[in-house]
N, C-alpha and C. Protein backbone atom coordinates (compact mmCIF):
# COMPACT_ATOMS: atom_id res chain seq x y z
N UNK A 1 9.94 97.53 -26.28
CA UNK A 1 9.28 96.13 -26.95
C UNK A 1 10.49 95.13 -26.53
N UNK A 2 11.29 95.61 -27.89
CA UNK A 2 12.60 94.87 -28.19
C UNK A 2 13.16 94.51 -26.68
N UNK A 3 13.48 95.45 -25.83
CA UNK A 3 14.39 95.45 -24.68
C UNK A 3 13.85 94.86 -23.83
N UNK A 4 12.49 94.54 -23.58
CA UNK A 4 11.89 93.45 -22.90
C UNK A 4 11.45 91.97 -23.27
N UNK A 5 11.90 91.92 -24.73
CA UNK A 5 12.35 90.89 -25.17
C UNK A 5 13.71 90.40 -24.87
N UNK A 6 14.62 91.04 -25.08
CA UNK A 6 15.97 90.37 -24.85
C UNK A 6 15.88 90.53 -23.56
N UNK A 7 15.46 90.82 -22.61
CA UNK A 7 15.49 90.80 -21.27
C UNK A 7 15.42 89.50 -20.89
N UNK A 8 14.06 88.85 -21.42
CA UNK A 8 13.67 88.02 -20.85
C UNK A 8 14.41 86.53 -21.30
N UNK A 9 14.90 86.77 -22.92
CA UNK A 9 15.55 85.90 -23.04
C UNK A 9 16.90 85.89 -22.31
N UNK A 10 17.42 86.68 -21.85
CA UNK A 10 18.89 86.96 -21.48
C UNK A 10 18.58 86.57 -20.32
N UNK A 11 17.88 86.69 -19.61
CA UNK A 11 17.26 86.06 -17.78
C UNK A 11 16.83 84.67 -18.12
N UNK A 12 16.15 84.22 -19.16
CA UNK A 12 16.06 82.43 -19.22
C UNK A 12 17.12 81.71 -19.61
N UNK A 13 18.03 82.62 -20.52
CA UNK A 13 19.55 81.74 -20.96
C UNK A 13 20.51 81.58 -19.31
N UNK A 14 20.67 83.23 -18.86
CA UNK A 14 21.08 82.63 -17.11
C UNK A 14 20.68 81.83 -16.52
N UNK A 15 19.55 81.66 -16.47
CA UNK A 15 18.82 80.45 -15.79
C UNK A 15 19.01 78.93 -15.98
N UNK A 16 19.35 78.89 -17.43
CA UNK A 16 19.56 77.55 -17.53
C UNK A 16 20.93 77.14 -17.48
N UNK A 17 21.87 78.06 -17.90
CA UNK A 17 23.31 78.01 -17.53
C UNK A 17 23.22 78.01 -16.49
N UNK A 18 22.87 78.46 -15.26
CA UNK A 18 23.26 78.47 -13.51
C UNK A 18 22.67 77.36 -13.45
N UNK A 19 21.80 76.56 -13.89
CA UNK A 19 20.93 75.46 -13.55
C UNK A 19 19.85 75.89 -12.39
N UNK A 20 19.45 76.73 -12.30
CA UNK A 20 18.36 77.39 -11.83
C UNK A 20 17.32 76.61 -11.86
N UNK A 21 16.22 76.08 -11.03
CA UNK A 21 14.81 75.56 -11.29
C UNK A 21 15.54 74.04 -11.17
N UNK A 22 16.81 73.26 -11.01
CA UNK A 22 17.04 71.89 -11.02
C UNK A 22 16.67 71.64 -9.79
N UNK A 23 16.45 70.69 -9.24
CA UNK A 23 16.31 70.67 -7.98
C UNK A 23 17.90 69.78 -7.41
N UNK A 24 18.55 70.27 -6.64
CA UNK A 24 19.58 70.08 -5.95
C UNK A 24 19.90 68.84 -5.42
N UNK A 25 20.47 67.97 -6.28
CA UNK A 25 20.30 66.73 -4.97
C UNK A 25 21.40 66.51 -4.10
N UNK A 26 21.23 66.38 -2.81
CA UNK A 26 22.56 66.00 -2.06
C UNK A 26 22.62 65.00 -1.67
N UNK A 27 24.53 64.60 -1.97
CA UNK A 27 24.64 63.25 -1.77
C UNK A 27 24.44 62.86 -0.69
N UNK A 28 24.26 61.58 0.23
CA UNK A 28 23.55 61.36 1.19
C UNK A 28 24.92 61.31 2.49
N UNK A 29 25.08 61.89 3.83
CA UNK A 29 26.17 62.22 4.72
C UNK A 29 26.37 60.91 4.93
N UNK A 30 27.74 60.54 5.05
CA UNK A 30 28.32 58.99 5.71
C UNK A 30 28.26 59.16 7.03
N UNK A 31 27.79 57.59 7.29
CA UNK A 31 27.92 57.61 8.49
C UNK A 31 28.80 56.47 9.22
N UNK A 32 30.12 56.50 8.42
CA UNK A 32 31.29 56.14 8.93
C UNK A 32 32.04 57.05 9.47
N UNK A 33 32.49 56.56 10.80
CA UNK A 33 33.03 57.05 11.46
C UNK A 33 34.52 57.06 11.41
N UNK A 34 35.40 57.38 12.60
CA UNK A 34 36.71 57.16 12.23
C UNK A 34 37.84 56.65 13.84
N UNK A 35 36.65 55.70 14.27
CA UNK A 35 37.27 55.72 15.90
C UNK A 35 37.73 53.91 15.29
N UNK A 36 38.87 53.51 15.92
CA UNK A 36 39.21 52.83 15.85
C UNK A 36 39.10 51.90 17.35
N UNK A 37 39.06 50.31 16.90
CA UNK A 37 38.95 49.27 17.42
C UNK A 37 39.44 49.25 18.68
N UNK A 38 38.11 49.50 19.84
CA UNK A 38 38.73 49.71 21.19
C UNK A 38 39.19 48.64 21.61
N UNK A 39 40.15 48.40 23.25
CA UNK A 39 40.61 47.26 23.51
C UNK A 39 40.08 47.09 24.63
N UNK A 40 38.98 46.73 24.63
CA UNK A 40 38.06 46.82 26.00
C UNK A 40 38.33 45.49 26.57
N UNK A 41 38.78 45.38 28.06
CA UNK A 41 38.76 44.22 28.55
C UNK A 41 38.17 43.97 30.37
N UNK A 42 38.13 43.26 30.75
CA UNK A 42 37.25 43.51 31.73
C UNK A 42 38.40 43.48 32.90
N UNK A 43 38.19 43.63 34.17
CA UNK A 43 39.47 44.34 35.09
C UNK A 43 39.20 42.64 36.07
N UNK A 44 41.00 42.19 36.26
CA UNK A 44 40.68 41.22 36.60
C UNK A 44 41.88 41.13 38.15
N UNK A 45 41.95 42.40 38.47
CA UNK A 45 42.74 42.97 39.73
C UNK A 45 41.90 42.87 40.83
N UNK A 46 40.75 42.71 40.91
CA UNK A 46 40.13 42.30 42.24
C UNK A 46 39.12 41.69 42.39
N UNK A 47 38.41 41.51 43.56
CA UNK A 47 37.69 40.31 43.43
C UNK A 47 35.91 40.65 43.35
N UNK A 48 35.62 40.42 41.71
CA UNK A 48 34.20 40.49 41.67
C UNK A 48 33.08 39.69 42.39
N UNK A 49 32.31 40.33 43.02
CA UNK A 49 31.62 39.79 44.15
C UNK A 49 30.12 39.50 43.32
N UNK A 50 29.47 40.24 42.59
CA UNK A 50 27.87 40.12 41.87
C UNK A 50 28.12 40.04 40.36
N UNK A 51 27.37 39.44 39.76
CA UNK A 51 27.67 39.41 38.37
C UNK A 51 25.75 39.28 38.40
N UNK A 52 25.72 39.08 36.78
CA UNK A 52 24.28 39.04 35.59
C UNK A 52 25.04 38.55 34.51
N UNK A 53 24.05 38.22 33.83
CA UNK A 53 24.19 37.72 32.13
C UNK A 53 23.42 38.87 31.25
N UNK A 54 23.46 38.67 30.22
CA UNK A 54 23.01 39.36 29.01
C UNK A 54 23.17 38.79 28.04
N UNK A 55 22.22 38.43 27.25
CA UNK A 55 22.18 37.91 26.05
C UNK A 55 21.78 39.14 25.30
N UNK A 56 22.11 39.69 24.35
CA UNK A 56 22.19 41.04 23.29
C UNK A 56 22.18 41.08 21.92
N UNK A 57 21.26 41.80 21.41
CA UNK A 57 21.11 41.44 19.83
C UNK A 57 21.54 43.24 19.82
N UNK A 58 22.16 43.58 18.79
CA UNK A 58 22.53 44.79 17.95
C UNK A 58 21.25 45.07 16.82
N UNK A 59 20.68 46.01 17.28
CA UNK A 59 20.10 46.64 15.91
C UNK A 59 20.05 48.37 16.31
N UNK A 60 20.99 48.63 14.73
CA UNK A 60 20.78 49.74 14.57
C UNK A 60 19.69 50.70 14.03
N UNK A 61 18.42 50.12 13.71
CA UNK A 61 17.45 50.59 12.87
C UNK A 61 17.15 52.04 13.79
N UNK A 62 17.08 51.58 14.66
CA UNK A 62 16.76 53.10 15.41
C UNK A 62 17.62 54.17 15.60
N UNK A 63 18.90 54.01 14.95
CA UNK A 63 20.00 54.82 14.47
C UNK A 63 20.11 55.64 13.30
N UNK A 64 19.64 54.69 12.15
CA UNK A 64 19.94 54.77 11.00
C UNK A 64 18.73 53.90 10.32
N UNK A 65 18.75 54.93 8.73
CA UNK A 65 17.71 54.26 7.82
C UNK A 65 18.21 52.89 7.45
N UNK A 66 17.53 51.83 6.93
CA UNK A 66 17.86 51.04 5.79
C UNK A 66 18.66 51.20 4.93
N UNK A 67 18.30 52.48 4.25
CA UNK A 67 18.99 53.08 2.89
C UNK A 67 20.76 53.19 3.64
N UNK A 68 20.80 54.20 4.77
CA UNK A 68 22.22 54.61 5.09
C UNK A 68 22.85 53.23 5.66
N UNK A 69 22.48 52.43 6.43
CA UNK A 69 23.32 51.21 6.52
C UNK A 69 23.06 50.61 5.33
N UNK A 70 22.41 50.27 4.17
CA UNK A 70 22.92 49.49 3.20
C UNK A 70 24.30 50.32 2.42
N UNK A 71 24.07 51.78 2.14
CA UNK A 71 25.15 52.26 1.58
C UNK A 71 26.04 52.31 2.29
N UNK A 72 26.33 52.14 3.44
CA UNK A 72 27.10 52.15 4.27
C UNK A 72 28.24 50.12 4.38
N UNK A 73 27.27 49.32 3.77
CA UNK A 73 27.52 47.89 3.51
C UNK A 73 27.70 47.39 5.13
N UNK A 74 26.83 47.91 6.01
CA UNK A 74 26.69 47.74 7.68
C UNK A 74 26.48 46.00 7.50
N UNK A 75 26.93 45.39 8.15
CA UNK A 75 26.93 44.16 9.27
C UNK A 75 27.51 43.77 10.04
N UNK A 76 27.02 43.01 10.82
CA UNK A 76 27.94 42.30 11.99
C UNK A 76 28.70 41.50 11.32
N UNK A 77 30.38 41.92 12.23
CA UNK A 77 31.75 41.32 11.82
C UNK A 77 32.45 40.95 12.80
N UNK A 78 33.03 39.71 13.04
CA UNK A 78 34.20 39.51 13.49
C UNK A 78 34.64 40.19 14.53
N UNK A 79 35.01 41.66 14.03
CA UNK A 79 35.81 42.59 14.41
C UNK A 79 34.79 43.54 15.42
N UNK A 80 33.53 43.51 15.44
CA UNK A 80 32.50 44.09 16.23
C UNK A 80 32.96 43.87 17.95
N UNK A 81 32.72 44.63 18.75
CA UNK A 81 32.43 44.29 20.14
C UNK A 81 31.19 44.99 20.84
N UNK A 82 31.07 44.12 21.97
CA UNK A 82 30.07 44.51 22.81
C UNK A 82 30.80 44.10 24.37
N UNK A 83 30.16 45.37 25.03
CA UNK A 83 31.34 45.50 26.41
C UNK A 83 29.69 46.20 27.50
N UNK A 84 29.89 45.35 28.54
CA UNK A 84 29.02 46.23 30.12
C UNK A 84 30.05 47.15 30.48
N UNK A 85 29.55 48.38 30.29
CA UNK A 85 30.75 49.17 31.53
C UNK A 85 29.82 49.84 32.60
N UNK A 86 30.06 50.34 33.79
CA UNK A 86 29.63 50.99 34.73
C UNK A 86 30.56 52.46 34.71
N UNK A 87 30.08 53.61 34.34
CA UNK A 87 30.92 54.45 34.24
C UNK A 87 31.78 54.41 32.73
N UNK A 88 33.03 54.51 33.31
CA UNK A 88 34.34 54.09 32.23
C UNK A 88 34.66 52.62 32.64
N UNK A 89 34.51 52.11 33.23
CA UNK A 89 34.44 50.79 34.17
C UNK A 89 33.97 49.61 33.22
N UNK A 90 34.99 48.84 32.57
CA UNK A 90 34.60 47.37 31.63
C UNK A 90 34.35 46.45 32.48
N UNK A 91 33.00 46.19 32.72
CA UNK A 91 32.69 44.98 33.59
C UNK A 91 32.50 43.41 33.27
N UNK A 92 32.70 43.68 31.49
CA UNK A 92 32.60 42.31 30.79
C UNK A 92 32.31 42.62 29.27
N UNK A 93 33.16 41.44 28.55
CA UNK A 93 33.07 41.48 27.35
C UNK A 93 32.30 40.35 26.46
N UNK A 94 31.43 40.89 25.66
CA UNK A 94 30.72 39.65 25.27
C UNK A 94 31.59 39.05 24.24
N UNK A 95 31.35 37.59 23.69
CA UNK A 95 31.17 36.50 22.84
C UNK A 95 30.03 36.35 21.36
N UNK A 96 30.43 36.43 20.54
CA UNK A 96 29.47 36.85 19.11
C UNK A 96 29.05 35.38 19.10
N UNK A 97 27.81 35.02 18.79
CA UNK A 97 27.39 33.43 18.64
C UNK A 97 26.26 33.44 17.53
N UNK A 98 26.00 33.17 16.48
CA UNK A 98 24.55 32.99 15.90
C UNK A 98 24.24 34.69 15.64
N UNK A 99 24.66 35.81 15.61
CA UNK A 99 24.17 36.86 15.79
C UNK A 99 23.38 37.25 16.90
N UNK A 100 24.01 36.98 18.20
CA UNK A 100 23.58 37.44 19.36
C UNK A 100 25.07 37.42 20.26
N UNK A 101 25.23 38.37 21.02
CA UNK A 101 25.95 38.62 21.73
C UNK A 101 25.57 38.23 23.12
N UNK A 102 26.47 37.32 23.87
CA UNK A 102 26.24 36.85 25.11
C UNK A 102 27.77 37.11 26.08
N UNK A 103 27.00 37.86 27.34
CA UNK A 103 27.70 38.51 28.21
C UNK A 103 27.50 38.56 29.51
N UNK A 104 28.87 38.21 29.92
CA UNK A 104 28.70 37.82 31.33
C UNK A 104 29.19 38.97 32.05
N UNK A 105 28.47 39.54 33.17
CA UNK A 105 28.81 41.06 33.61
C UNK A 105 29.38 41.12 35.04
N UNK A 106 30.49 41.31 35.42
CA UNK A 106 30.84 41.08 36.66
C UNK A 106 31.29 42.45 37.67
N UNK A 107 30.58 42.61 38.52
CA UNK A 107 31.08 44.50 39.12
C UNK A 107 31.01 43.86 40.36
N UNK A 108 32.07 45.05 40.87
CA UNK A 108 32.36 44.78 42.08
C UNK A 108 31.74 44.97 43.68
N UNK A 109 30.60 46.18 43.07
CA UNK A 109 29.07 46.05 43.91
C UNK A 109 27.96 45.73 42.89
N UNK A 110 26.99 46.03 43.83
CA UNK A 110 25.60 45.32 42.91
C UNK A 110 24.63 46.72 42.99
N UNK A 111 25.31 47.43 43.52
CA UNK A 111 24.48 49.17 43.35
C UNK A 111 25.32 50.23 42.38
N UNK A 112 24.99 49.77 40.89
CA UNK A 112 25.85 50.65 39.94
C UNK A 112 24.56 50.53 38.62
N UNK A 113 24.68 51.62 37.85
CA UNK A 113 24.19 51.53 36.61
C UNK A 113 24.81 50.98 35.45
N UNK A 114 24.72 50.26 34.85
CA UNK A 114 25.34 49.84 33.45
C UNK A 114 24.75 50.21 32.03
N UNK A 115 26.00 50.41 31.27
CA UNK A 115 25.85 50.59 29.76
C UNK A 115 26.27 49.61 29.21
N UNK A 116 25.43 49.47 27.75
CA UNK A 116 25.80 48.33 27.18
C UNK A 116 26.65 49.60 25.74
N UNK A 117 27.78 48.86 25.56
CA UNK A 117 28.73 49.63 24.78
C UNK A 117 28.71 49.00 23.32
N UNK A 118 28.54 49.09 22.14
CA UNK A 118 29.06 48.39 20.94
C UNK A 118 29.67 48.92 19.90
N UNK A 119 30.56 48.44 19.62
CA UNK A 119 31.36 49.41 18.71
C UNK A 119 31.20 48.01 17.13
N UNK A 120 31.06 49.13 16.34
CA UNK A 120 30.83 48.33 15.32
C UNK A 120 32.03 48.75 13.97
N UNK A 121 32.65 47.58 13.62
CA UNK A 121 33.85 47.61 12.84
C UNK A 121 33.84 48.15 11.23
N UNK A 122 32.74 48.16 11.08
CA UNK A 122 32.19 48.51 9.31
C UNK A 122 31.91 50.35 9.79
N UNK A 123 31.35 50.68 10.22
CA UNK A 123 30.99 51.56 10.81
C UNK A 123 32.21 52.64 11.39
N UNK A 124 32.84 51.98 12.07
CA UNK A 124 34.18 52.51 12.53
C UNK A 124 33.28 53.97 14.09
N UNK A 125 32.41 53.57 14.59
CA UNK A 125 31.43 54.10 15.55
C UNK A 125 31.21 53.11 16.56
N UNK A 126 31.54 53.88 17.98
CA UNK A 126 31.35 53.19 19.27
C UNK A 126 29.51 53.48 19.36
N UNK A 127 28.72 53.12 19.73
CA UNK A 127 27.72 53.17 20.47
C UNK A 127 27.08 52.87 21.64
N UNK A 128 26.23 53.56 22.35
CA UNK A 128 25.82 53.13 24.28
C UNK A 128 24.28 53.35 24.24
N UNK A 129 23.72 52.19 24.89
CA UNK A 129 22.92 52.11 25.65
C UNK A 129 22.55 53.15 26.43
N UNK A 130 21.17 53.36 26.80
CA UNK A 130 20.45 53.85 28.06
C UNK A 130 21.19 53.03 29.09
N UNK A 131 21.27 53.43 30.33
CA UNK A 131 21.61 52.95 31.46
C UNK A 131 20.44 51.44 31.96
N UNK A 132 20.77 50.83 32.68
CA UNK A 132 20.02 50.11 33.57
C UNK A 132 20.26 49.69 34.73
N UNK A 133 19.55 49.42 35.58
CA UNK A 133 19.97 48.52 37.15
C UNK A 133 20.43 47.21 36.81
N UNK A 134 21.88 47.13 37.21
CA UNK A 134 22.47 46.19 37.64
C UNK A 134 21.90 45.25 38.62
N UNK A 135 21.88 44.01 38.47
CA UNK A 135 20.80 42.83 39.20
C UNK A 135 21.79 41.82 39.82
N UNK A 136 22.19 41.65 40.68
CA UNK A 136 22.80 40.70 41.22
C UNK A 136 22.32 39.32 40.56
N UNK A 137 22.97 38.02 40.03
CA UNK A 137 22.13 36.89 39.60
C UNK A 137 21.06 37.21 38.70
N UNK A 138 21.13 38.63 38.12
CA UNK A 138 19.90 38.61 37.16
C UNK A 138 20.43 37.58 35.85
N UNK A 139 19.33 38.35 35.07
CA UNK A 139 19.63 37.81 33.60
C UNK A 139 18.28 38.88 32.87
N UNK A 140 19.47 39.36 31.66
CA UNK A 140 19.01 40.30 30.96
C UNK A 140 18.38 39.03 29.18
N UNK A 141 17.60 39.37 28.75
CA UNK A 141 17.27 38.50 27.84
C UNK A 141 17.47 37.16 27.43
N UNK A 142 17.40 36.69 26.84
CA UNK A 142 17.33 35.07 26.24
C UNK A 142 17.48 35.04 24.73
N UNK A 143 17.47 33.59 24.29
CA UNK A 143 17.83 33.29 23.16
C UNK A 143 17.02 33.46 22.38
N UNK A 144 15.68 33.49 23.08
CA UNK A 144 14.57 33.45 22.48
C UNK A 144 13.90 34.94 22.13
N UNK A 145 14.29 35.38 23.12
CA UNK A 145 13.80 37.01 23.28
C UNK A 145 15.16 38.02 23.86
N UNK A 146 16.08 38.01 22.90
CA UNK A 146 17.26 38.67 23.50
C UNK A 146 16.73 40.29 23.79
N UNK A 147 17.42 40.81 24.72
CA UNK A 147 18.05 42.28 24.97
C UNK A 147 18.38 43.00 24.11
N UNK A 148 17.46 43.92 23.15
CA UNK A 148 17.87 44.62 22.02
C UNK A 148 17.75 46.12 22.38
N UNK A 149 19.04 46.43 22.96
CA UNK A 149 18.96 48.09 23.39
C UNK A 149 18.46 49.04 22.31
N UNK A 150 18.08 50.17 22.55
CA UNK A 150 18.43 51.33 22.19
C UNK A 150 19.76 52.17 22.12
N UNK A 151 20.13 51.93 20.99
CA UNK A 151 21.49 52.75 20.74
C UNK A 151 21.71 54.03 20.44
N UNK A 152 22.84 54.63 21.01
CA UNK A 152 23.03 56.08 20.18
C UNK A 152 24.19 56.36 19.93
N UNK A 153 24.94 56.74 19.16
CA UNK A 153 26.27 57.22 18.83
C UNK A 153 27.42 57.75 19.84
N UNK A 154 27.84 57.11 20.32
CA UNK A 154 28.92 57.45 21.42
C UNK A 154 30.06 58.87 20.97
N UNK A 155 30.19 58.83 19.59
CA UNK A 155 31.20 59.62 19.14
C UNK A 155 31.20 60.52 17.91
């Protein structure tokens, strides 16, 4: 009987000392990447015959929780970039004004898919939208209803 009581006491002390029974709280993983700011520029060495415009709103709530974004102190900054791409070819770089990106997209042909790339200076990450069809003379989004693509991290 003494051996059993002694064993129970020893096991209990070992559990207390080792921390068993305590929930292990993991630190949230950082969502901050390591990508330096890209130098996206639209090509100027050939005649762009087709164009369209887009008014883009960046919303990362589909990628991260509000807690993750708050912990990373995420916000739009002047160092953020938005650009349109067909494959690896940059077709235009946007200007930020009042929280919206105004994008003029030029293309050598009107038959190509375009993706929107967003670089966050705070998160040091590049995000990409799903592709959409280029529409010569078309408009994507408006001030009242901006185009809000679903982004996914590219790196």
